[in-house]
Amino acid sequence: MGIVLKYLGTVAAVFLTVNLVPGVDVAGGWTTILLTALVWSVISMVIKPVLGILTLPITIITFGIFSFILNALLFWAMTLIVPGFVVSGFLPALLGALVLSILTWFIHKVL
């Protein structure tokens, strides 16, 4: 039951991010939001830790700023995987990734 609640929390965070951040849009409705939340969950659990270890020297040199850039690039890469998910530039990707991460963390802490 915990996995389902975390997934639904991620769905809520994606929905709020799409509505709060200008430049992040969803064309397919709830189906696209559900798919985006699933892809973001997989990216967060599998790809992000591996890339975090591989880019650790750059992250140390930049005092952690590169982790924000990596997060934004992964958020932007979701446009290639999820049809109907549109991010219109790097700045909306950076802001969207930041908002999505904060909302996901907060919703998971509440649940």
Foldseek 3Di string as FASTA:
>chain_A
DLVVQLLVLLLVLLVVLQVPFPQKHFQPPSVLSSVLSVLVVCCVVPVLVVVCVVCVVVCVVVVNPVSLQVLLVSQCCVCVVGPRIGGRDSVSSSVSSVSSVVSSVVSSVVD
